[in-house]
N, C-alpha and C. Protein backbone atom coordinates (compact mmCIF):
# COMPACT_ATOMS: atom_id res chain seq x y z
N MET A 1 -8.06 14.45 -2.95
CA MET A 1 -6.83 13.80 -3.29
C MET A 1 -6.78 12.34 -3.22
N LYS A 2 -7.60 11.79 -2.09
CA LYS A 2 -7.58 10.59 -1.89
C LYS A 2 -8.45 9.77 -2.75
N ARG A 3 -9.42 10.35 -3.69
CA ARG A 3 -9.75 9.68 -4.69
C ARG A 3 -8.75 9.51 -5.73
N LYS A 4 -8.21 10.52 -6.02
CA LYS A 4 -7.11 10.33 -7.38
C LYS A 4 -5.90 9.37 -6.80
N VAL A 5 -5.27 8.97 -5.24
CA VAL A 5 -5.03 7.89 -5.25
C VAL A 5 -5.50 6.83 -5.47
N LEU A 6 -6.85 6.59 -4.92
CA LEU A 6 -7.25 5.33 -4.98
C LEU A 6 -7.09 4.51 -6.71
N ASN A 7 -7.85 5.89 -7.21
CA ASN A 7 -7.89 5.54 -8.84
C ASN A 7 -6.54 5.07 -9.10
N ILE A 8 -5.57 5.60 -8.88
CA ILE A 8 -3.99 5.49 -9.57
C ILE A 8 -3.68 4.42 -8.95
N LEU A 9 -3.93 3.65 -7.89
CA LEU A 9 -3.91 2.31 -7.47
C LEU A 9 -4.37 1.34 -8.21
N LEU A 10 -5.88 1.38 -8.01
CA LEU A 10 -6.55 0.56 -8.51
C LEU A 10 -6.50 0.44 -9.91
N THR A 11 -5.84 1.29 -10.88
CA THR A 11 -5.25 1.39 -12.13
C THR A 11 -4.23 0.47 -12.17
N MET A 12 -3.40 0.78 -11.14
CA MET A 12 -1.98 -0.18 -11.08
C MET A 12 -2.19 -1.62 -10.71
N SER A 13 -2.73 -1.92 -9.86
CA SER A 13 -3.27 -3.13 -9.51
C SER A 13 -4.31 -3.90 -10.54
N ALA A 14 -4.64 -3.21 -11.41
CA ALA A 14 -5.52 -3.90 -12.45
C ALA A 14 -4.55 -4.21 -13.64
N MET A 15 -3.72 -3.35 -13.88
CA MET A 15 -2.60 -3.53 -14.86
C MET A 15 -1.68 -4.79 -14.36
N ILE A 16 -1.27 -4.99 -12.92
CA ILE A 16 0.05 -5.95 -12.70
C ILE A 16 -1.28 -7.06 -12.87
N LEU A 17 -2.46 -7.23 -12.18
CA LEU A 17 -3.04 -8.45 -12.30
C LEU A 17 -3.15 -8.94 -13.90
N ALA A 18 -3.55 -8.04 -14.76
CA ALA A 18 -3.78 -8.50 -16.12
C ALA A 18 -2.57 -8.85 -16.57
N GLY A 19 -1.35 -8.69 -15.93
CA GLY A 19 0.09 -9.08 -16.76
C GLY A 19 0.08 -10.56 -16.31
N CYS A 20 -0.58 -11.08 -15.29
CA CYS A 20 -0.45 -12.46 -14.80
C CYS A 20 -0.94 -13.28 -15.82
N GLN A 21 -0.02 -14.38 -15.95
CA GLN A 21 -0.17 -15.31 -16.94
C GLN A 21 -0.75 -16.73 -16.33
N HIS A 22 -1.07 -16.67 -14.92
CA HIS A 22 -1.86 -17.88 -14.23
C HIS A 22 -3.01 -17.69 -13.34
N LYS A 23 -3.96 -18.29 -13.34
CA LYS A 23 -4.82 -18.08 -12.50
C LYS A 23 -4.80 -17.81 -10.85
N LEU A 24 -5.07 -16.61 -10.32
CA LEU A 24 -4.54 -16.79 -8.97
C LEU A 24 -5.56 -17.47 -8.03
N PRO A 25 -5.12 -18.40 -7.01
CA PRO A 25 -5.64 -19.05 -5.98
C PRO A 25 -6.76 -18.08 -5.11
N GLN A 26 -7.82 -18.35 -5.21
CA GLN A 26 -8.72 -17.88 -4.29
C GLN A 26 -9.10 -18.44 -3.08
N SER A 27 -9.10 -17.86 -2.01
CA SER A 27 -9.92 -18.32 -0.48
C SER A 27 -11.15 -17.41 -0.23
N HIS A 28 -11.68 -18.08 0.50
CA HIS A 28 -13.16 -17.30 1.04
C HIS A 28 -12.67 -16.06 1.84
N SER A 29 -11.49 -16.20 2.41
CA SER A 29 -11.06 -15.28 3.31
C SER A 29 -10.33 -13.88 2.63
N GLN A 30 -9.76 -14.23 1.57
CA GLN A 30 -9.09 -13.19 0.97
C GLN A 30 -9.65 -13.10 -0.61
N THR A 31 -10.65 -12.68 -0.70
CA THR A 31 -11.11 -12.51 -2.35
C THR A 31 -11.30 -11.12 -3.04
N MET A 32 -10.91 -10.37 -2.02
CA MET A 32 -10.78 -8.96 -2.39
C MET A 32 -9.77 -8.18 -1.78
N ASP A 33 -9.16 -6.88 -2.70
CA ASP A 33 -8.16 -6.33 -2.13
C ASP A 33 -8.42 -5.40 -1.01
N LYS A 34 -7.37 -4.91 -0.32
CA LYS A 34 -7.66 -4.31 1.34
C LYS A 34 -7.25 -2.97 0.81
N ILE A 35 -7.48 -1.71 1.07
CA ILE A 35 -6.87 -0.47 1.18
C ILE A 35 -6.91 0.09 2.21
N TYR A 36 -5.51 0.50 2.84
CA TYR A 36 -5.54 1.36 4.07
C TYR A 36 -4.69 2.79 3.69
N THR A 37 -4.89 3.67 4.02
CA THR A 37 -4.76 4.90 3.83
C THR A 37 -4.72 5.77 5.18
N GLY A 38 -3.48 6.77 5.20
CA GLY A 38 -3.25 7.46 6.56
C GLY A 38 -2.20 8.46 6.33
N VAL A 39 -1.86 9.21 7.20
CA VAL A 39 -0.94 10.13 7.27
C VAL A 39 0.08 9.82 8.46
N LEU A 40 1.43 9.15 7.88
CA LEU A 40 2.17 9.35 8.96
C LEU A 40 2.86 10.33 9.38
N PRO A 41 3.83 10.62 10.66
CA PRO A 41 4.74 11.43 10.81
C PRO A 41 5.83 11.73 10.06
N CYS A 42 6.15 12.97 10.07
CA CYS A 42 7.59 13.19 8.98
C CYS A 42 8.53 14.41 9.63
N THR A 43 9.76 14.01 9.77
CA THR A 43 10.69 14.99 10.32
C THR A 43 10.71 16.48 9.81
N ASP A 44 10.82 16.06 8.32
CA ASP A 44 11.27 17.32 7.63
C ASP A 44 10.16 17.94 6.92
N CYS A 45 8.84 17.27 6.97
CA CYS A 45 7.51 17.63 5.97
C CYS A 45 6.59 18.00 7.16
N SER A 46 5.26 18.15 6.08
CA SER A 46 4.21 17.93 7.09
C SER A 46 3.45 16.84 7.35
N GLY A 47 4.23 15.74 6.96
CA GLY A 47 3.47 14.30 7.01
C GLY A 47 3.66 13.69 5.86
N ILE A 48 3.43 12.20 6.11
CA ILE A 48 3.76 11.14 4.48
C ILE A 48 1.97 10.94 4.68
N GLU A 49 1.40 10.90 3.51
CA GLU A 49 0.18 10.60 3.09
C GLU A 49 0.53 9.29 2.40
N THR A 50 -0.15 8.01 3.14
CA THR A 50 0.22 6.78 2.61
C THR A 50 -0.81 5.93 2.26
N THR A 51 -0.79 5.82 1.15
CA THR A 51 -1.77 4.41 0.76
C THR A 51 -1.33 3.17 0.40
N VAL A 52 -1.69 2.20 0.79
CA VAL A 52 -1.17 0.83 0.59
C VAL A 52 -2.37 0.07 0.53
N LEU A 53 -2.33 -0.63 -0.81
CA LEU A 53 -3.09 -1.97 -1.84
C LEU A 53 -2.78 -3.17 -1.44
N PHE A 54 -3.44 -3.91 -0.77
CA PHE A 54 -3.02 -5.14 -0.49
C PHE A 54 -3.45 -6.06 -1.44
N ASN A 55 -2.85 -6.85 -2.52
CA ASN A 55 -3.77 -7.55 -3.06
C ASN A 55 -3.88 -9.10 -2.37
N PRO A 56 -4.73 -9.80 -3.25
CA PRO A 56 -4.82 -11.33 -2.20
C PRO A 56 -3.92 -12.16 -2.61
N ASN A 57 -3.38 -11.88 -3.84
CA ASN A 57 -2.22 -12.95 -3.86
C ASN A 57 -0.78 -12.66 -3.24
N GLY A 58 -1.03 -11.80 -2.52
CA GLY A 58 0.54 -11.64 -1.37
C GLY A 58 1.60 -10.61 -1.84
N LYS A 59 0.71 -9.68 -2.82
CA LYS A 59 1.29 -8.68 -3.47
C LYS A 59 0.68 -7.34 -2.75
N PHE A 60 1.67 -6.31 -2.91
CA PHE A 60 1.49 -4.98 -2.54
C PHE A 60 1.86 -3.81 -3.21
N ILE A 61 1.22 -2.79 -3.16
CA ILE A 61 1.75 -1.36 -3.82
C ILE A 61 1.33 -0.32 -2.54
N GLU A 62 2.37 0.28 -2.38
CA GLU A 62 2.62 1.39 -1.89
C GLU A 62 2.65 2.86 -2.26
N GLN A 63 1.82 3.80 -2.24
CA GLN A 63 2.49 4.87 -2.41
C GLN A 63 2.37 5.76 -0.97
N LEU A 64 3.40 6.53 -1.27
CA LEU A 64 4.21 7.75 -0.14
C LEU A 64 4.10 8.98 -0.66
N THR A 65 3.08 10.16 -0.32
CA THR A 65 3.32 11.46 -0.53
C THR A 65 3.68 12.31 0.35
N TYR A 66 4.79 13.01 0.42
CA TYR A 66 5.27 13.85 1.35
C TYR A 66 5.00 15.15 1.31
N LEU A 67 3.89 15.28 2.01
CA LEU A 67 3.04 16.74 2.18
C LEU A 67 4.00 17.78 2.55
N GLY A 68 4.18 18.69 1.84
CA GLY A 68 4.64 20.01 1.92
C GLY A 68 5.71 20.59 1.31
N LYS A 69 5.94 19.30 0.42
CA LYS A 69 7.64 19.17 -0.71
C LYS A 69 6.92 19.40 -2.14
N GLU A 70 6.46 20.63 -2.47
CA GLU A 70 5.79 20.85 -3.89
C GLU A 70 7.26 20.97 -4.73
N GLU A 71 7.96 21.80 -3.98
CA GLU A 71 9.16 22.02 -5.02
C GLU A 71 10.03 20.85 -5.45
N GLN A 72 9.61 19.67 -5.18
CA GLN A 72 10.61 18.43 -5.35
C GLN A 72 9.90 17.42 -5.77
N LYS A 73 10.34 16.23 -6.41
CA LYS A 73 9.37 15.18 -6.53
C LYS A 73 8.87 14.45 -4.96
N ASN A 74 7.50 14.43 -4.66
CA ASN A 74 7.25 14.27 -3.11
C ASN A 74 6.49 12.88 -3.48
N THR A 75 5.96 12.04 -4.44
CA THR A 75 5.34 11.25 -4.88
C THR A 75 6.34 9.80 -5.37
N PHE A 76 6.32 8.39 -4.30
CA PHE A 76 6.91 7.44 -4.54
C PHE A 76 6.02 6.16 -4.48
N PHE A 77 6.29 5.19 -5.32
CA PHE A 77 5.93 3.73 -5.27
C PHE A 77 6.65 2.63 -4.92
N THR A 78 6.06 1.84 -3.97
CA THR A 78 7.03 0.82 -4.10
C THR A 78 5.99 -0.54 -4.23
N THR A 79 6.58 -1.59 -4.64
CA THR A 79 5.52 -2.89 -4.72
C THR A 79 6.73 -4.17 -3.86
N GLY A 80 6.17 -5.04 -3.68
CA GLY A 80 6.48 -6.53 -3.04
C GLY A 80 5.78 -7.29 -2.53
N ASN A 81 5.84 -7.84 -1.34
CA ASN A 81 5.05 -9.18 -1.14
C ASN A 81 4.64 -8.41 0.44
N TRP A 82 3.47 -9.03 0.87
CA TRP A 82 3.17 -8.80 2.22
C TRP A 82 3.05 -10.08 3.09
N THR A 83 2.66 -10.41 4.00
CA THR A 83 1.84 -11.19 4.78
C THR A 83 1.45 -10.69 6.15
N LYS A 84 0.57 -11.56 6.80
CA LYS A 84 -0.51 -10.82 8.07
C LYS A 84 0.27 -11.76 8.99
N LYS A 85 0.60 -11.11 10.54
CA LYS A 85 0.64 -11.98 11.32
C LYS A 85 -0.38 -11.35 12.41
N GLY A 86 -1.38 -11.77 13.00
CA GLY A 86 -2.13 -11.51 13.82
C GLY A 86 -2.75 -10.32 13.03
N THR A 87 -2.42 -9.07 14.04
CA THR A 87 -3.04 -7.47 13.33
C THR A 87 -1.85 -7.00 12.71
N LYS A 88 -0.72 -7.49 12.62
CA LYS A 88 0.23 -6.45 11.85
C LYS A 88 0.57 -7.15 10.34
N PHE A 89 0.89 -6.14 9.61
CA PHE A 89 1.20 -6.36 8.61
C PHE A 89 2.75 -6.27 8.01
N PHE A 90 3.32 -7.21 7.28
CA PHE A 90 4.74 -7.36 7.17
C PHE A 90 5.00 -7.17 5.84
N LEU A 91 5.59 -5.64 5.28
CA LEU A 91 5.98 -5.59 4.07
C LEU A 91 7.35 -6.04 3.59
N ILE A 92 7.92 -6.74 2.62
CA ILE A 92 9.05 -6.42 2.05
C ILE A 92 9.01 -6.40 0.47
N ASP A 93 9.67 -5.05 0.08
CA ASP A 93 9.91 -4.40 -1.11
C ASP A 93 10.57 -5.36 -2.31
N SER A 94 10.36 -4.46 -3.29
CA SER A 94 11.44 -5.41 -4.15
C SER A 94 12.84 -5.31 -4.17
N ASP A 95 13.48 -3.92 -3.14
CA ASP A 95 14.77 -4.05 -2.56
C ASP A 95 15.10 -4.70 -1.17
N GLU A 96 14.25 -5.73 -1.19
CA GLU A 96 14.35 -6.32 0.15
C GLU A 96 14.35 -5.62 1.19
N GLN A 97 13.56 -4.57 1.43
CA GLN A 97 13.56 -3.66 2.93
C GLN A 97 12.28 -3.82 3.38
N LYS A 98 12.53 -4.58 4.51
CA LYS A 98 11.08 -4.73 5.61
C LYS A 98 10.86 -3.55 6.27
N THR A 99 9.22 -3.42 6.43
CA THR A 99 8.52 -2.67 6.87
C THR A 99 7.54 -3.34 8.11
N TYR A 100 6.80 -2.85 8.65
CA TYR A 100 5.34 -3.21 9.37
C TYR A 100 4.70 -2.43 9.55
N PHE A 101 3.51 -2.34 9.92
CA PHE A 101 2.41 -1.54 10.49
C PHE A 101 1.58 -2.37 10.95
N GLN A 102 0.78 -1.84 11.97
CA GLN A 102 -0.82 -1.95 12.49
C GLN A 102 -1.46 -0.93 12.32
N PRO A 103 -2.62 -1.19 11.29
CA PRO A 103 -3.51 -0.30 11.02
C PRO A 103 -4.12 -0.08 12.44
N SER A 104 -4.54 0.89 12.49
CA SER A 104 -5.85 1.36 13.49
C SER A 104 -7.41 1.16 13.26
N ILE A 105 -8.13 1.04 14.08
CA ILE A 105 -9.47 0.75 13.59
C ILE A 105 -10.13 2.02 14.41
N ASP A 106 -10.92 2.82 13.50
CA ASP A 106 -11.15 3.97 13.91
C ASP A 106 -10.41 4.88 15.17
N GLY A 107 -9.46 5.18 14.48
CA GLY A 107 -8.45 6.02 15.14
C GLY A 107 -7.85 5.22 16.50
N LYS A 108 -8.16 4.36 16.83
CA LYS A 108 -7.90 3.44 18.09
C LYS A 108 -6.62 2.50 17.62
N LYS A 109 -5.43 2.72 18.61
CA LYS A 109 -4.39 1.81 18.78
C LYS A 109 -4.60 0.68 19.33
């Protein structure tokens, strides 16, 4: 399942980047995409499988899959801009909704 999600995100990322008309600025600290994945808690389902692809140009693609909700549409995609302050990522989607998260390293917060 994770491999399928990764393939979808990578394909979408390639399509988005192919549509760019200008060269993207490259810095030595951000020359590759970063992907974070995990399961977030959910009040009315088994969990929310979350995968976020951070492009070095400040754009992100987020895939949310609500686990245990097979009888209805359970996968959603969001795009927008991201910034990083310290260890926290701040996301602003295309609807101007703001969220943030702090990834854990090896399960430690």
